[in-house]
Amino acid sequence: MAEHAHSIEHHHGHMPIQAQSSTYVGVMELFKWGALGVADLIIVMTLWFCTPAGFFTALVVGLIVLALGVFGLRGVKAGAH
């Protein structure tokens, strides 16, 4: 098997845990708020294009759902399990 001259030898258990923890928290925050945004966008687009509700009704419902989602997710910590 060929060895790479520029490869770094891995030492199990020597990664700084703070770097791993902050990356994990950042990714989970991104997924949490991204999921809320996508769900809200799906609700707005569905109401706008697939019902007779229209744009402004869809927008109002979308803003209400977004506000409720922010209120509900604001207290949830990414690393709390």
PDB file of N, CA and C in Angstrom:
ATOM      1  N   MET A   1       0.841  -1.161   0.000  1.00  0.00           N
ATOM      2  CA  MET A   1       0.000   0.000   0.000  1.00  0.00           C
ATOM      3  C   MET A   1       0.897   1.238   0.000  1.00  0.00           C
ATOM      4  N   ALA A   2       0.583   2.187  -0.809  1.00  0.00           N
ATOM      5  CA  ALA A   2       1.416   3.377  -0.961  1.00  0.00           C
ATOM      6  C   ALA A   2       1.198   4.334   0.207  1.00  0.00           C
ATOM      7  N   GLU A   3       2.286   4.886   0.696  1.00  0.00           N
ATOM      8  CA  GLU A   3       2.235   5.886   1.758  1.00  0.00           C
ATOM      9  C   GLU A   3       2.277   7.276   1.144  1.00  0.00           C
ATOM     10  N   HIS A   4       1.478   8.189   1.658  1.00  0.00           N
ATOM     11  CA  HIS A   4       1.498   9.571   1.192  1.00  0.00           C
ATOM     12  C   HIS A   4       2.487  10.355   2.043  1.00  0.00           C
ATOM     13  N   ALA A   5       3.359  11.097   1.395  1.00  0.00           N
ATOM     14  CA  ALA A   5       4.380  11.852   2.113  1.00  0.00           C
ATOM     15  C   ALA A   5       3.775  12.988   2.927  1.00  0.00           C
ATOM     16  N   HIS A   6       2.632  13.513   2.499  1.00  0.00           N
ATOM     17  CA  HIS A   6       2.027  14.649   3.183  1.00  0.00           C
ATOM     18  C   HIS A   6       0.928  14.253   4.163  1.00  0.00           C
ATOM     19  N   SER A   7       0.702  12.963   4.354  1.00  0.00           N
ATOM     20  CA  SER A   7      -0.362  12.543   5.267  1.00  0.00           C
ATOM     21  C   SER A   7       0.088  12.700   6.716  1.00  0.00           C
ATOM     22  N   ILE A   8      -0.869  12.999   7.564  1.00  0.00           N
ATOM     23  CA  ILE A   8      -0.601  13.176   8.981  1.00  0.00           C
ATOM     24  C   ILE A   8      -1.020  11.903   9.705  1.00  0.00           C
ATOM     25  N   GLU A   9      -0.168  11.415  10.555  1.00  0.00           N
ATOM     26  CA  GLU A   9      -0.481  10.208  11.297  1.00  0.00           C
ATOM     27  C   GLU A   9      -1.548  10.516  12.332  1.00  0.00           C
ATOM     28  N   HIS A  10      -2.580   9.687  12.365  1.00  0.00           N
ATOM     29  CA  HIS A  10      -3.692   9.897  13.290  1.00  0.00           C
ATOM     30  C   HIS A  10      -3.381   9.232  14.623  1.00  0.00           C
ATOM     31  N   HIS A  11      -3.606   9.960  15.693  1.00  0.00           N
ATOM     32  CA  HIS A  11      -3.456   9.418  17.042  1.00  0.00           C
ATOM     33  C   HIS A  11      -4.815   9.435  17.705  1.00  0.00           C
ATOM     34  N   HIS A  12      -5.347   8.253  17.955  1.00  0.00           N
ATOM     35  CA  HIS A  12      -6.681   8.123  18.532  1.00  0.00           C
ATOM     36  C   HIS A  12      -6.746   8.804  19.902  1.00  0.00           C
ATOM     37  N   GLY A  13      -7.755   9.666  20.084  1.00  0.00           N
ATOM     38  CA  GLY A  13      -7.984  10.317  21.354  1.00  0.00           C
ATOM     39  C   GLY A  13      -7.212  11.603  21.563  1.00  0.00           C
ATOM     40  N   HIS A  14      -6.571  12.127  20.529  1.00  0.00           N
ATOM     41  CA  HIS A  14      -5.771  13.331  20.681  1.00  0.00           C
ATOM     42  C   HIS A  14      -6.392  14.562  20.031  1.00  0.00           C
ATOM     43  N   MET A  15      -7.638  14.467  19.583  1.00  0.00           N
ATOM     44  CA  MET A  15      -8.298  15.628  19.002  1.00  0.00           C
ATOM     45  C   MET A  15      -8.819  16.530  20.121  1.00  0.00           C
ATOM     46  N   PRO A  16      -8.634  17.835  20.003  1.00  0.00           N
ATOM     47  CA  PRO A  16      -9.183  18.721  21.032  1.00  0.00           C
ATOM     48  C   PRO A  16     -10.710  18.643  21.043  1.00  0.00           C
ATOM     49  N   ILE A  17     -11.276  18.285  22.173  1.00  0.00           N
ATOM     50  CA  ILE A  17     -12.715  18.060  22.263  1.00  0.00           C
ATOM     51  C   ILE A  17     -13.499  19.355  22.051  1.00  0.00           C
ATOM     52  N   GLN A  18     -12.917  20.512  22.341  1.00  0.00           N
ATOM     53  CA  GLN A  18     -13.616  21.787  22.153  1.00  0.00           C
ATOM     54  C   GLN A  18     -13.900  22.026  20.675  1.00  0.00           C
ATOM     55  N   ALA A  19     -12.957  21.667  19.804  1.00  0.00           N
ATOM     56  CA  ALA A  19     -13.171  21.856  18.371  1.00  0.00           C
ATOM     57  C   ALA A  19     -14.294  20.959  17.872  1.00  0.00           C
ATOM     58  N   GLN A  20     -14.306  19.721  18.319  1.00  0.00           N
ATOM     59  CA  GLN A  20     -15.346  18.795  17.903  1.00  0.00           C
ATOM     60  C   GLN A  20     -16.701  19.227  18.455  1.00  0.00           C
ATOM     61  N   SER A  21     -16.737  19.661  19.688  1.00  0.00           N
ATOM     62  CA  SER A  21     -17.986  20.071  20.314  1.00  0.00           C
ATOM     63  C   SER A  21     -18.565  21.319  19.641  1.00  0.00           C
ATOM     64  N   SER A  22     -17.721  22.298  19.347  1.00  0.00           N
ATOM     65  CA  SER A  22     -18.234  23.517  18.714  1.00  0.00           C
ATOM     66  C   SER A  22     -18.708  23.248  17.291  1.00  0.00           C
ATOM     67  N   THR A  23     -18.045  22.345  16.588  1.00  0.00           N
ATOM     68  CA  THR A  23     -18.497  21.978  15.243  1.00  0.00           C
ATOM     69  C   THR A  23     -19.846  21.275  15.306  1.00  0.00           C
ATOM     70  N   TYR A  24     -19.995  20.367  16.252  1.00  0.00           N
ATOM     71  CA  TYR A  24     -21.257  19.645  16.416  1.00  0.00           C
ATOM     72  C   TYR A  24     -22.401  20.608  16.722  1.00  0.00           C
ATOM     73  N   VAL A  25     -22.177  21.520  17.656  1.00  0.00           N
ATOM     74  CA  VAL A  25     -23.219  22.478  18.034  1.00  0.00           C
ATOM     75  C   VAL A  25     -23.577  23.368  16.842  1.00  0.00           C
ATOM     76  N   GLY A  26     -22.574  23.805  16.094  1.00  0.00           N
ATOM     77  CA  GLY A  26     -22.836  24.651  14.931  1.00  0.00           C
ATOM     78  C   GLY A  26     -23.650  23.946  13.860  1.00  0.00           C
ATOM     79  N   VAL A  27     -23.309  22.695  13.580  1.00  0.00           N
ATOM     80  CA  VAL A  27     -24.044  21.924  12.565  1.00  0.00           C
ATOM     81  C   VAL A  27     -25.474  21.664  13.021  1.00  0.00           C
ATOM     82  N   MET A  28     -25.659  21.341  14.293  1.00  0.00           N
ATOM     83  CA  MET A  28     -27.010  21.081  14.782  1.00  0.00           C
ATOM     84  C   MET A  28     -27.866  22.339  14.774  1.00  0.00           C
ATOM     85  N   GLU A  29     -27.265  23.485  15.072  1.00  0.00           N
ATOM     86  CA  GLU A  29     -27.999  24.756  14.980  1.00  0.00           C
ATOM     87  C   GLU A  29     -28.402  25.041  13.536  1.00  0.00           C
ATOM     88  N   LEU A  30     -27.474  24.793  12.609  1.00  0.00           N
ATOM     89  CA  LEU A  30     -27.768  24.993  11.190  1.00  0.00           C
ATOM     90  C   LEU A  30     -28.921  24.101  10.741  1.00  0.00           C
ATOM     91  N   PHE A  31     -28.900  22.836  11.134  1.00  0.00           N
ATOM     92  CA  PHE A  31     -29.972  21.922  10.756  1.00  0.00           C
ATOM     93  C   PHE A  31     -31.295  22.316  11.399  1.00  0.00           C
ATOM     94  N   LYS A  32     -31.260  22.733  12.655  1.00  0.00           N
ATOM     95  CA  LYS A  32     -32.483  23.100  13.370  1.00  0.00           C
ATOM     96  C   LYS A  32     -33.171  24.284  12.699  1.00  0.00           C
ATOM     97  N   TRP A  33     -32.424  25.366  12.477  1.00  0.00           N
ATOM     98  CA  TRP A  33     -33.027  26.561  11.885  1.00  0.00           C
ATOM     99  C   TRP A  33     -33.288  26.368  10.397  1.00  0.00           C
ATOM    100  N   GLY A  34     -32.468  25.577   9.732  1.00  0.00           N
ATOM    101  CA  GLY A  34     -32.703  25.283   8.316  1.00  0.00           C
ATOM    102  C   GLY A  34     -33.978  24.477   8.113  1.00  0.00           C
ATOM    103  N   ALA A  35     -34.222  23.520   8.995  1.00  0.00           N
ATOM    104  CA  ALA A  35     -35.447  22.719   8.905  1.00  0.00           C
ATOM    105  C   ALA A  35     -36.680  23.580   9.118  1.00  0.00           C
ATOM    106  N   LEU A  36     -36.593  24.508  10.063  1.00  0.00           N
ATOM    107  CA  LEU A  36     -37.721  25.431  10.276  1.00  0.00           C
ATOM    108  C   LEU A  36     -37.952  26.293   9.044  1.00  0.00           C
ATOM    109  N   GLY A  37     -36.893  26.792   8.453  1.00  0.00           N
ATOM    110  CA  GLY A  37     -37.027  27.624   7.254  1.00  0.00           C
ATOM    111  C   GLY A  37     -37.625  26.873   6.076  1.00  0.00           C
ATOM    112  N   VAL A  38     -37.166  25.649   5.864  1.00  0.00           N
ATOM    113  CA  VAL A  38     -37.691  24.848   4.753  1.00  0.00           C
ATOM    114  C   VAL A  38     -39.157  24.498   4.996  1.00  0.00           C
ATOM    115  N   ALA A  39     -39.498  24.114   6.225  1.00  0.00           N
ATOM    116  CA  ALA A  39     -40.893  23.785   6.530  1.00  0.00           C
ATOM    117  C   ALA A  39     -41.794  24.999   6.340  1.00  0.00           C
ATOM    118  N   ASP A  40     -41.334  26.158   6.772  1.00  0.00           N
ATOM    119  CA  ASP A  40     -42.132  27.373   6.606  1.00  0.00           C
ATOM    120  C   ASP A  40     -42.289  27.720   5.128  1.00  0.00           C
ATOM    121  N   LEU A  41     -41.228  27.568   4.357  1.00  0.00           N
ATOM    122  CA  LEU A  41     -41.307  27.836   2.922  1.00  0.00           C
ATOM    123  C   LEU A  41     -42.284  26.885   2.228  1.00  0.00           C
ATOM    124  N   ILE A  42     -42.275  25.625   2.617  1.00  0.00           N
ATOM    125  CA  ILE A  42     -43.213  24.651   2.039  1.00  0.00           C
ATOM    126  C   ILE A  42     -44.649  25.027   2.378  1.00  0.00           C
ATOM    127  N   ILE A  43     -44.890  25.455   3.607  1.00  0.00           N
ATOM    128  CA  ILE A  43     -46.246  25.866   3.996  1.00  0.00           C
ATOM    129  C   ILE A  43     -46.701  27.076   3.183  1.00  0.00           C
ATOM    130  N   VAL A  44     -45.842  28.078   3.064  1.00  0.00           N
ATOM    131  CA  VAL A  44     -46.206  29.290   2.312  1.00  0.00           C
ATOM    132  C   VAL A  44     -46.459  28.956   0.845  1.00  0.00           C
ATOM    133  N   MET A  45     -45.569  28.197   0.233  1.00  0.00           N
ATOM    134  CA  MET A  45     -45.726  27.868  -1.193  1.00  0.00           C
ATOM    135  C   MET A  45     -46.971  27.007  -1.434  1.00  0.00           C
ATOM    136  N   THR A  46     -47.243  26.083  -0.519  1.00  0.00           N
ATOM    137  CA  THR A  46     -48.436  25.245  -0.667  1.00  0.00           C
ATOM    138  C   THR A  46     -49.702  26.082  -0.568  1.00  0.00           C
ATOM    139  N   LEU A  47     -49.765  26.957   0.428  1.00  0.00           N
ATOM    140  CA  LEU A  47     -50.960  27.799   0.563  1.00  0.00           C
ATOM    141  C   LEU A  47     -51.098  28.769  -0.598  1.00  0.00           C
ATOM    142  N   TRP A  48     -49.989  29.279  -1.092  1.00  0.00           N
ATOM    143  CA  TRP A  48     -50.027  30.265  -2.166  1.00  0.00           C
ATOM    144  C   TRP A  48     -50.459  29.644  -3.491  1.00  0.00           C
ATOM    145  N   PHE A  49     -49.875  28.506  -3.834  1.00  0.00           N
ATOM    146  CA  PHE A  49     -50.110  27.939  -5.167  1.00  0.00           C
ATOM    147  C   PHE A  49     -51.159  26.831  -5.223  1.00  0.00           C
ATOM    148  N   CYS A  50     -51.446  26.167  -4.114  1.00  0.00           N
ATOM    149  CA  CYS A  50     -52.332  25.003  -4.164  1.00  0.00           C
ATOM    150  C   CYS A  50     -53.687  25.219  -3.508  1.00  0.00           C
ATOM    151  N   THR A  51     -53.924  26.407  -3.008  1.00  0.00           N
ATOM    152  CA  THR A  51     -55.224  26.712  -2.414  1.00  0.00           C
ATOM    153  C   THR A  51     -55.685  28.073  -2.925  1.00  0.00           C
ATOM    154  N   PRO A  52     -56.930  28.376  -2.768  1.00  0.00           N
ATOM    155  CA  PRO A  52     -57.405  29.704  -3.181  1.00  0.00           C
ATOM    156  C   PRO A  52     -57.089  30.793  -2.151  1.00  0.00           C
ATOM    157  N   ALA A  53     -56.263  30.515  -1.172  1.00  0.00           N
ATOM    158  CA  ALA A  53     -55.967  31.479  -0.111  1.00  0.00           C
ATOM    159  C   ALA A  53     -55.265  32.715  -0.652  1.00  0.00           C
ATOM    160  N   GLY A  54     -54.340  32.545  -1.583  1.00  0.00           N
ATOM    161  CA  GLY A  54     -53.635  33.682  -2.142  1.00  0.00           C
ATOM    162  C   GLY A  54     -52.335  33.986  -1.422  1.00  0.00           C
ATOM    163  N   PHE A  55     -51.614  34.971  -1.967  1.00  0.00           N
ATOM    164  CA  PHE A  55     -50.282  35.296  -1.476  1.00  0.00           C
ATOM    165  C   PHE A  55     -50.295  35.874  -0.070  1.00  0.00           C
ATOM    166  N   PHE A  56     -51.130  36.857   0.186  1.00  0.00           N
ATOM    167  CA  PHE A  56     -51.094  37.540   1.482  1.00  0.00           C
ATOM    168  C   PHE A  56     -51.539  36.632   2.621  1.00  0.00           C
ATOM    169  N   THR A  57     -52.523  35.812   2.396  1.00  0.00           N
ATOM    170  CA  THR A  57     -52.937  34.855   3.423  1.00  0.00           C
ATOM    171  C   THR A  57     -51.822  33.857   3.696  1.00  0.00           C
ATOM    172  N   ALA A  58     -51.187  33.374   2.635  1.00  0.00           N
ATOM    173  CA  ALA A  58     -50.065  32.449   2.802  1.00  0.00           C
ATOM    174  C   ALA A  58     -48.922  33.113   3.555  1.00  0.00           C
ATOM    175  N   LEU A  59     -48.671  34.372   3.244  1.00  0.00           N
ATOM    176  CA  LEU A  59     -47.605  35.101   3.917  1.00  0.00           C
ATOM    177  C   LEU A  59     -47.899  35.278   5.408  1.00  0.00           C
ATOM    178  N   VAL A  60     -49.129  35.616   5.734  1.00  0.00           N
ATOM    179  CA  VAL A  60     -49.509  35.792   7.137  1.00  0.00           C
ATOM    180  C   VAL A  60     -49.397  34.471   7.892  1.00  0.00           C
ATOM    181  N   VAL A  61     -49.906  33.405   7.305  1.00  0.00           N
ATOM    182  CA  VAL A  61     -49.804  32.091   7.952  1.00  0.00           C
ATOM    183  C   VAL A  61     -48.338  31.686   8.091  1.00  0.00           C
ATOM    184  N   GLY A  62     -47.535  31.946   7.070  1.00  0.00           N
ATOM    185  CA  GLY A  62     -46.112  31.629   7.135  1.00  0.00           C
ATOM    186  C   GLY A  62     -45.398  32.394   8.235  1.00  0.00           C
ATOM    187  N   LEU A  63     -45.733  33.658   8.407  1.00  0.00           N
ATOM    188  CA  LEU A  63     -45.122  34.447   9.477  1.00  0.00           C
ATOM    189  C   LEU A  63     -45.546  33.952  10.855  1.00  0.00           C
ATOM    190  N   ILE A  64     -46.793  33.535  10.974  1.00  0.00           N
ATOM    191  CA  ILE A  64     -47.274  32.991  12.252  1.00  0.00           C
ATOM    192  C   ILE A  64     -46.549  31.681  12.570  1.00  0.00           C
ATOM    193  N   VAL A  65     -46.448  30.808  11.579  1.00  0.00           N
ATOM    194  CA  VAL A  65     -45.747  29.535  11.777  1.00  0.00           C
ATOM    195  C   VAL A  65     -44.277  29.773  12.102  1.00  0.00           C
ATOM    196  N   LEU A  66     -43.658  30.735  11.432  1.00  0.00           N
ATOM    197  CA  LEU A  66     -42.267  31.061  11.698  1.00  0.00           C
ATOM    198  C   LEU A  66     -42.087  31.580  13.126  1.00  0.00           C
ATOM    199  N   ALA A  67     -42.983  32.452  13.560  1.00  0.00           N
ATOM    200  CA  ALA A  67     -42.901  32.988  14.923  1.00  0.00           C
ATOM    201  C   ALA A  67     -43.080  31.881  15.961  1.00  0.00           C
ATOM    202  N   LEU A  68     -44.038  30.995  15.736  1.00  0.00           N
ATOM    203  CA  LEU A  68     -44.231  29.872  16.656  1.00  0.00           C
ATOM    204  C   LEU A  68     -43.025  28.939  16.657  1.00  0.00           C
ATOM    205  N   GLY A  69     -42.441  28.709  15.489  1.00  0.00           N
ATOM    206  CA  GLY A  69     -41.259  27.862  15.402  1.00  0.00           C
ATOM    207  C   GLY A  69     -40.066  28.459  16.114  1.00  0.00           C
ATOM    208  N   VAL A  70     -39.861  29.762  15.948  1.00  0.00           N
ATOM    209  CA  VAL A  70     -38.755  30.433  16.638  1.00  0.00           C
ATOM    210  C   VAL A  70     -38.987  30.378  18.139  1.00  0.00           C
ATOM    211  N   PHE A  71     -40.212  30.614  18.580  1.00  0.00           N
ATOM    212  CA  PHE A  71     -40.536  30.554  20.003  1.00  0.00           C
ATOM    213  C   PHE A  71     -40.296  29.150  20.553  1.00  0.00           C
ATOM    214  N   GLY A  72     -40.680  28.148  19.782  1.00  0.00           N
ATOM    215  CA  GLY A  72     -40.522  26.762  20.245  1.00  0.00           C
ATOM    216  C   GLY A  72     -39.086  26.263  20.207  1.00  0.00           C
ATOM    217  N   LEU A  73     -38.329  26.674  19.216  1.00  0.00           N
ATOM    218  CA  LEU A  73     -36.958  26.181  19.069  1.00  0.00           C
ATOM    219  C   LEU A  73     -35.926  27.030  19.792  1.00  0.00           C
ATOM    220  N   ARG A  74     -36.281  28.198  20.201  1.00  0.00           N
ATOM    221  CA  ARG A  74     -35.322  29.095  20.833  1.00  0.00           C
ATOM    222  C   ARG A  74     -34.728  28.505  22.095  1.00  0.00           C
ATOM    223  N   GLY A  75     -35.516  27.806  22.883  1.00  0.00           N
ATOM    224  CA  GLY A  75     -35.039  27.242  24.140  1.00  0.00           C
ATOM    225  C   GLY A  75     -34.367  25.895  24.001  1.00  0.00           C
ATOM    226  N   VAL A  76     -34.430  25.273  22.830  1.00  0.00           N
ATOM    227  CA  VAL A  76     -33.852  23.952  22.641  1.00  0.00           C
ATOM    228  C   VAL A  76     -32.356  24.114  22.366  1.00  0.00           C
ATOM    229  N   LYS A  77     -31.530  23.501  23.215  1.00  0.00           N
ATOM    230  CA  LYS A  77     -30.083  23.558  23.033  1.00  0.00           C
ATOM    231  C   LYS A  77     -29.647  22.386  22.159  1.00  0.00           C
ATOM    232  N   ALA A  78     -28.674  22.626  21.307  1.00  0.00           N
ATOM    233  CA  ALA A  78     -28.234  21.600  20.353  1.00  0.00           C
ATOM    234  C   ALA A  78     -27.586  20.411  21.051  1.00  0.00           C
ATOM    235  N   GLY A  79     -26.824  20.626  22.096  1.00  0.00           N
ATOM    236  CA  GLY A  79     -26.113  19.533  22.742  1.00  0.00           C
ATOM    237  C   GLY A  79     -26.870  18.907  23.902  1.00  0.00           C
ATOM    238  N   ALA A  80     -28.076  19.372  24.196  1.00  0.00           N
ATOM    239  CA  ALA A  80     -28.840  18.854  25.330  1.00  0.00           C
ATOM    240  C   ALA A  80     -29.568  17.573  24.934  1.00  0.00           C
ATOM    241  N   HIS A  81     -29.093  16.449  25.484  1.00  0.00           N
ATOM    242  CA  HIS A  81     -29.767  15.177  25.228  1.00  0.00           C
ATOM    243  C   HIS A  81     -29.550  14.224  26.365  1.00  0.00           C
TER     244      HIS A  81
END
